[in-house]
PDB file of N, CA and C in Angstrom:
ATOM      1  N   MET A   1      -0.119   8.830  13.877  1.00  0.00           N
ATOM      2  CA  MET A   1       1.024   8.410  12.607  1.00  0.00           C
ATOM      3  C   MET A   1       1.195   9.373  11.581  1.00  0.00           C
ATOM      4  N   VAL A   2      -0.167   9.901  11.061  1.00  0.00           N
ATOM      5  CA  VAL A   2      -0.079  10.775   9.921  1.00  0.00           C
ATOM      6  C   VAL A   2       0.578  12.242  10.595  1.00  0.00           C
ATOM      7  N   GLN A   3       0.555  12.488  11.737  1.00  0.00           N
ATOM      8  CA  GLN A   3       1.160  13.676  11.952  1.00  0.00           C
ATOM      9  C   GLN A   3       2.810  13.603  11.930  1.00  0.00           C
ATOM     10  N   ILE A   4       3.330  12.487  12.288  1.00  0.00           N
ATOM     11  CA  ILE A   4       4.658  12.077  12.163  1.00  0.00           C
ATOM     12  C   ILE A   4       5.281  12.332  10.646  1.00  0.00           C
ATOM     13  N   TYR A   5       4.245  11.747   9.990  1.00  0.00           N
ATOM     14  CA  TYR A   5       4.825  11.549   8.435  1.00  0.00           C
ATOM     15  C   TYR A   5       4.464  13.379   7.799  1.00  0.00           C
ATOM     16  N   THR A   6       3.688  13.791   8.345  1.00  0.00           N
ATOM     17  CA  THR A   6       3.704  15.612   7.862  1.00  0.00           C
ATOM     18  C   THR A   6       4.702  16.259   8.519  1.00  0.00           C
ATOM     19  N   TRP A   7       5.225  15.860   9.635  1.00  0.00           N
ATOM     20  CA  TRP A   7       6.421  16.640  10.118  1.00  0.00           C
ATOM     21  C   TRP A   7       7.515  16.164   9.333  1.00  0.00           C
ATOM     22  N   ALA A   8       7.667  14.768   9.171  1.00  0.00           N
ATOM     23  CA  ALA A   8       8.741  14.519   8.466  1.00  0.00           C
ATOM     24  C   ALA A   8       9.049  14.865   7.113  1.00  0.00           C
ATOM     25  N   TYR A   9       7.883  15.209   6.425  1.00  0.00           N
ATOM     26  CA  TYR A   9       8.069  15.663   5.223  1.00  0.00           C
ATOM     27  C   TYR A   9       8.076  17.187   4.818  1.00  0.00           C
ATOM     28  N   GLN A  10       7.198  17.798   5.744  1.00  0.00           N
ATOM     29  CA  GLN A  10       6.936  19.345   5.597  1.00  0.00           C
ATOM     30  C   GLN A  10       8.065  20.081   6.271  1.00  0.00           C
ATOM     31  N   ASP A  11       8.407  19.485   7.685  1.00  0.00           N
ATOM     32  CA  ASP A  11       9.318  20.304   8.567  1.00  0.00           C
ATOM     33  C   ASP A  11      10.833  19.997   8.388  1.00  0.00           C
ATOM     34  N   TRP A  12      10.909  18.627   8.557  1.00  0.00           N
ATOM     35  CA  TRP A  12      12.106  17.814   8.959  1.00  0.00           C
ATOM     36  C   TRP A  12      12.635  17.632   7.601  1.00  0.00           C
ATOM     37  N   LYS A  13      12.073  17.585   6.719  1.00  0.00           N
ATOM     38  CA  LYS A  13      12.621  17.268   5.137  1.00  0.00           C
ATOM     39  C   LYS A  13      13.432  15.939   5.234  1.00  0.00           C
ATOM     40  N   THR A  14      12.964  14.863   5.961  1.00  0.00           N
ATOM     41  CA  THR A  14      13.718  13.754   6.406  1.00  0.00           C
ATOM     42  C   THR A  14      12.958  12.594   5.284  1.00  0.00           C
ATOM     43  N   ILE A  15      11.593  12.626   4.617  1.00  0.00           N
ATOM     44  CA  ILE A  15      11.221  12.035   3.769  1.00  0.00           C
ATOM     45  C   ILE A  15      10.811  12.814   2.703  1.00  0.00           C
ATOM     46  N   SER A  16      10.868  11.882   1.402  1.00  0.00           N
ATOM     47  CA  SER A  16      10.536  12.422   0.238  1.00  0.00           C
ATOM     48  C   SER A  16       8.980  12.144  -0.075  1.00  0.00           C
ATOM     49  N   LYS A  17       8.269  12.483  -1.329  1.00  0.00           N
ATOM     50  CA  LYS A  17       7.122  11.926  -1.763  1.00  0.00           C
ATOM     51  C   LYS A  17       7.291  10.820  -2.209  1.00  0.00           C
ATOM     52  N   GLU A  18       8.153  10.332  -2.870  1.00  0.00           N
ATOM     53  CA  GLU A  18       8.310   9.112  -3.422  1.00  0.00           C
ATOM     54  C   GLU A  18       8.396   7.950  -2.010  1.00  0.00           C
ATOM     55  N   THR A  19       9.152   8.447  -0.973  1.00  0.00           N
ATOM     56  CA  THR A  19       8.759   7.110  -0.183  1.00  0.00           C
ATOM     57  C   THR A  19       7.541   7.423   0.602  1.00  0.00           C
ATOM     58  N   LEU A  20       6.961   8.581   0.628  1.00  0.00           N
ATOM     59  CA  LEU A  20       5.599   8.527   1.054  1.00  0.00           C
ATOM     60  C   LEU A  20       4.663   7.777   0.416  1.00  0.00           C
ATOM     61  N   ALA A  21       4.783   7.681  -0.743  1.00  0.00           N
ATOM     62  CA  ALA A  21       4.022   6.903  -1.917  1.00  0.00           C
ATOM     63  C   ALA A  21       4.039   5.595  -1.742  1.00  0.00           C
ATOM     64  N   THR A  22       5.363   4.955  -1.243  1.00  0.00           N
ATOM     65  CA  THR A  22       5.494   3.532  -0.868  1.00  0.00           C
ATOM     66  C   THR A  22       4.566   3.021   0.276  1.00  0.00           C
ATOM     67  N   ILE A  23       4.277   4.211   0.958  1.00  0.00           N
ATOM     68  CA  ILE A  23       3.523   3.593   2.101  1.00  0.00           C
ATOM     69  C   ILE A  23       2.051   3.735   2.081  1.00  0.00           C
ATOM     70  N   VAL A  24       1.689   4.415   0.901  1.00  0.00           N
ATOM     71  CA  VAL A  24       0.056   4.268   0.722  1.00  0.00           C
ATOM     72  C   VAL A  24      -0.687   3.086   0.822  1.00  0.00           C
ATOM     73  N   GLY A  25      -1.726   2.805   1.509  1.00  0.00           N
ATOM     74  CA  GLY A  25      -2.379   1.733   1.461  1.00  0.00           C
ATOM     75  C   GLY A  25      -1.896   0.611   2.146  1.00  0.00           C
ATOM     76  N   LEU A  26      -0.482   0.619   2.698  1.00  0.00           N
ATOM     77  CA  LEU A  26      -0.100  -0.592   3.894  1.00  0.00           C
ATOM     78  C   LEU A  26      -0.904  -0.502   5.064  1.00  0.00           C
ATOM     79  N   PRO A  27      -1.156  -1.557   5.846  1.00  0.00           N
ATOM     80  CA  PRO A  27      -1.736  -1.808   6.949  1.00  0.00           C
ATOM     81  C   PRO A  27      -1.214  -0.758   7.952  1.00  0.00           C
ATOM     82  N   ASP A  28       0.031  -0.263   8.046  1.00  0.00           N
ATOM     83  CA  ASP A  28       0.522   0.550   9.260  1.00  0.00           C
ATOM     84  C   ASP A  28       0.945   1.711   8.423  1.00  0.00           C
ATOM     85  N   GLY A  29       0.259   2.093   7.183  1.00  0.00           N
ATOM     86  CA  GLY A  29       0.789   3.238   6.404  1.00  0.00           C
ATOM     87  C   GLY A  29      -0.400   4.214   6.391  1.00  0.00           C
ATOM     88  N   ILE A  30      -0.424   5.027   5.369  1.00  0.00           N
ATOM     89  CA  ILE A  30      -1.210   6.154   5.222  1.00  0.00           C
ATOM     90  C   ILE A  30      -2.393   5.640   3.934  1.00  0.00           C
ATOM     91  N   THR A  31      -3.231   6.662   4.100  1.00  0.00           N
ATOM     92  CA  THR A  31      -4.444   6.671   2.725  1.00  0.00           C
ATOM     93  C   THR A  31      -3.898   7.616   1.912  1.00  0.00           C
ATOM     94  N   ALA A  32      -4.538   7.477   0.732  1.00  0.00           N
ATOM     95  CA  ALA A  32      -4.262   8.383  -0.274  1.00  0.00           C
ATOM     96  C   ALA A  32      -5.051   9.832  -0.040  1.00  0.00           C
ATOM     97  N   ASP A  33      -5.875  10.047   1.024  1.00  0.00           N
ATOM     98  CA  ASP A  33      -6.118  11.450   1.221  1.00  0.00           C
ATOM     99  C   ASP A  33      -5.311  11.799   2.372  1.00  0.00           C
ATOM    100  N   ASP A  34      -4.412  11.162   3.115  1.00  0.00           N
ATOM    101  CA  ASP A  34      -3.953  11.626   4.142  1.00  0.00           C
ATOM    102  C   ASP A  34      -2.159  11.848   3.274  1.00  0.00           C
ATOM    103  N   TYR A  35      -2.087  11.082   1.772  1.00  0.00           N
ATOM    104  CA  TYR A  35      -0.795  11.696   0.946  1.00  0.00           C
ATOM    105  C   TYR A  35      -1.342  13.077   0.417  1.00  0.00           C
ATOM    106  N   LYS A  36      -2.364  13.281   0.020  1.00  0.00           N
ATOM    107  CA  LYS A  36      -2.874  14.645  -0.463  1.00  0.00           C
ATOM    108  C   LYS A  36      -2.720  15.647   0.682  1.00  0.00           C
ATOM    109  N   ALA A  37      -3.051  15.406   1.873  1.00  0.00           N
ATOM    110  CA  ALA A  37      -2.922  16.402   3.140  1.00  0.00           C
ATOM    111  C   ALA A  37      -1.528  16.680   3.246  1.00  0.00           C
ATOM    112  N   ILE A  38      -0.643  15.802   3.166  1.00  0.00           N
ATOM    113  CA  ILE A  38       0.473  15.831   3.430  1.00  0.00           C
ATOM    114  C   ILE A  38       1.638  16.535   2.670  1.00  0.00           C
ATOM    115  N   THR A  39       1.232  16.258   1.245  1.00  0.00           N
ATOM    116  CA  THR A  39       1.960  16.595  -0.065  1.00  0.00           C
ATOM    117  C   THR A  39       1.154  18.141  -0.698  1.00  0.00           C
ATOM    118  N   GLY A  40       0.059  17.907  -0.467  1.00  0.00           N
ATOM    119  CA  GLY A  40      -0.721  18.714  -1.478  1.00  0.00           C
ATOM    120  C   GLY A  40      -0.808  18.381  -2.765  1.00  0.00           C
ATOM    121  N   GLU A  41      -0.383  17.255  -3.121  1.00  0.00           N
ATOM    122  CA  GLU A  41      -0.745  16.632  -4.438  1.00  0.00           C
ATOM    123  C   GLU A  41      -1.610  15.424  -4.316  1.00  0.00           C
ATOM    124  N   ALA A  42      -2.312  15.139  -5.375  1.00  0.00           N
ATOM    125  CA  ALA A  42      -3.226  13.946  -5.263  1.00  0.00           C
ATOM    126  C   ALA A  42      -2.328  12.562  -5.487  1.00  0.00           C
ATOM    127  N   TYR A  43      -2.488  11.627  -4.935  1.00  0.00           N
ATOM    128  CA  TYR A  43      -1.822  10.196  -4.979  1.00  0.00           C
ATOM    129  C   TYR A  43      -2.072   9.833  -6.270  1.00  0.00           C
ATOM    130  N   VAL A  44      -0.927   9.232  -6.910  1.00  0.00           N
ATOM    131  CA  VAL A  44      -1.125   8.656  -8.098  1.00  0.00           C
ATOM    132  C   VAL A  44      -0.517   7.199  -8.044  1.00  0.00           C
ATOM    133  N   ALA A  45      -1.137   6.064  -8.118  1.00  0.00           N
ATOM    134  CA  ALA A  45      -0.527   4.790  -7.814  1.00  0.00           C
ATOM    135  C   ALA A  45       0.466   4.622  -8.954  1.00  0.00           C
ATOM    136  N   PRO A  46       1.539   4.102  -8.731  1.00  0.00           N
ATOM    137  CA  PRO A  46       2.527   3.761  -9.848  1.00  0.00           C
ATOM    138  C   PRO A  46       2.020   2.667 -10.536  1.00  0.00           C
ATOM    139  N   THR A  47       2.620   2.777 -11.764  1.00  0.00           N
ATOM    140  CA  THR A  47       2.416   1.654 -12.799  1.00  0.00           C
ATOM    141  C   THR A  47       3.423   0.489 -12.638  1.00  0.00           C
ATOM    142  N   THR A  48       2.878  -0.670 -13.003  1.00  0.00           N
ATOM    143  CA  THR A  48       4.056  -1.359 -13.008  1.00  0.00           C
ATOM    144  C   THR A  48       4.272  -2.173 -14.298  1.00  0.00           C
ATOM    145  N   GLN A  49       5.475  -2.304 -14.601  1.00  0.00           N
ATOM    146  CA  GLN A  49       6.166  -2.974 -15.852  1.00  0.00           C
ATOM    147  C   GLN A  49       6.200  -4.246 -15.780  1.00  0.00           C
ATOM    148  N   THR A  50       5.909  -4.798 -16.709  1.00  0.00           N
ATOM    149  CA  THR A  50       5.990  -6.120 -16.907  1.00  0.00           C
ATOM    150  C   THR A  50       7.155  -6.545 -18.185  1.00  0.00           C
ATOM    151  N   THR A  51       7.782  -7.397 -17.684  1.00  0.00           N
ATOM    152  CA  THR A  51       8.867  -7.659 -18.950  1.00  0.00           C
ATOM    153  C   THR A  51       8.675  -9.121 -19.468  1.00  0.00           C
ATOM    154  N   THR A  52       8.521  -9.288 -20.592  1.00  0.00           N
ATOM    155  CA  THR A  52       8.123 -10.479 -21.214  1.00  0.00           C
ATOM    156  C   THR A  52       9.503 -10.856 -22.262  1.00  0.00           C
ATOM    157  N   THR A  53       9.600 -11.990 -21.958  1.00  0.00           N
ATOM    158  CA  THR A  53      10.778 -12.471 -23.067  1.00  0.00           C
ATOM    159  C   THR A  53      10.153 -13.666 -24.152  1.00  0.00           C
ATOM    160  N   SER A  54      10.933 -13.537 -25.086  1.00  0.00           N
ATOM    161  CA  SER A  54      10.527 -14.349 -26.034  1.00  0.00           C
ATOM    162  C   SER A  54      11.555 -15.338 -26.273  1.00  0.00           C
ATOM    163  N   THR A  55      11.176 -16.706 -26.118  1.00  0.00           N
ATOM    164  CA  THR A  55      12.407 -17.486 -26.724  1.00  0.00           C
ATOM    165  C   THR A  55      11.807 -18.430 -27.956  1.00  0.00           C
ATOM    166  N   THR A  56      12.757 -18.766 -28.687  1.00  0.00           N
ATOM    167  CA  THR A  56      12.678 -19.621 -29.976  1.00  0.00           C
ATOM    168  C   THR A  56      13.574 -20.546 -30.172  1.00  0.00           C
ATOM    169  N   ASN A  57      13.379 -21.749 -30.507  1.00  0.00           N
ATOM    170  CA  ASN A  57      14.001 -22.964 -30.469  1.00  0.00           C
ATOM    171  C   ASN A  57      14.386 -23.289 -32.181  1.00  0.00           C
TER     172      ASN A  57
END
């Protein structure tokens, strides 16, 4: 499976780094090491933003 992602990213240009990052850690996805091997860059987990709302009466 990693080979297909490698071809898609490096050769076919049909997948982006951002899309690859969304499949890191998924059961049928890739590992952070695979991501680095494919893109040449270390995987950085996306940060999540929380939205808080304040209500006053």
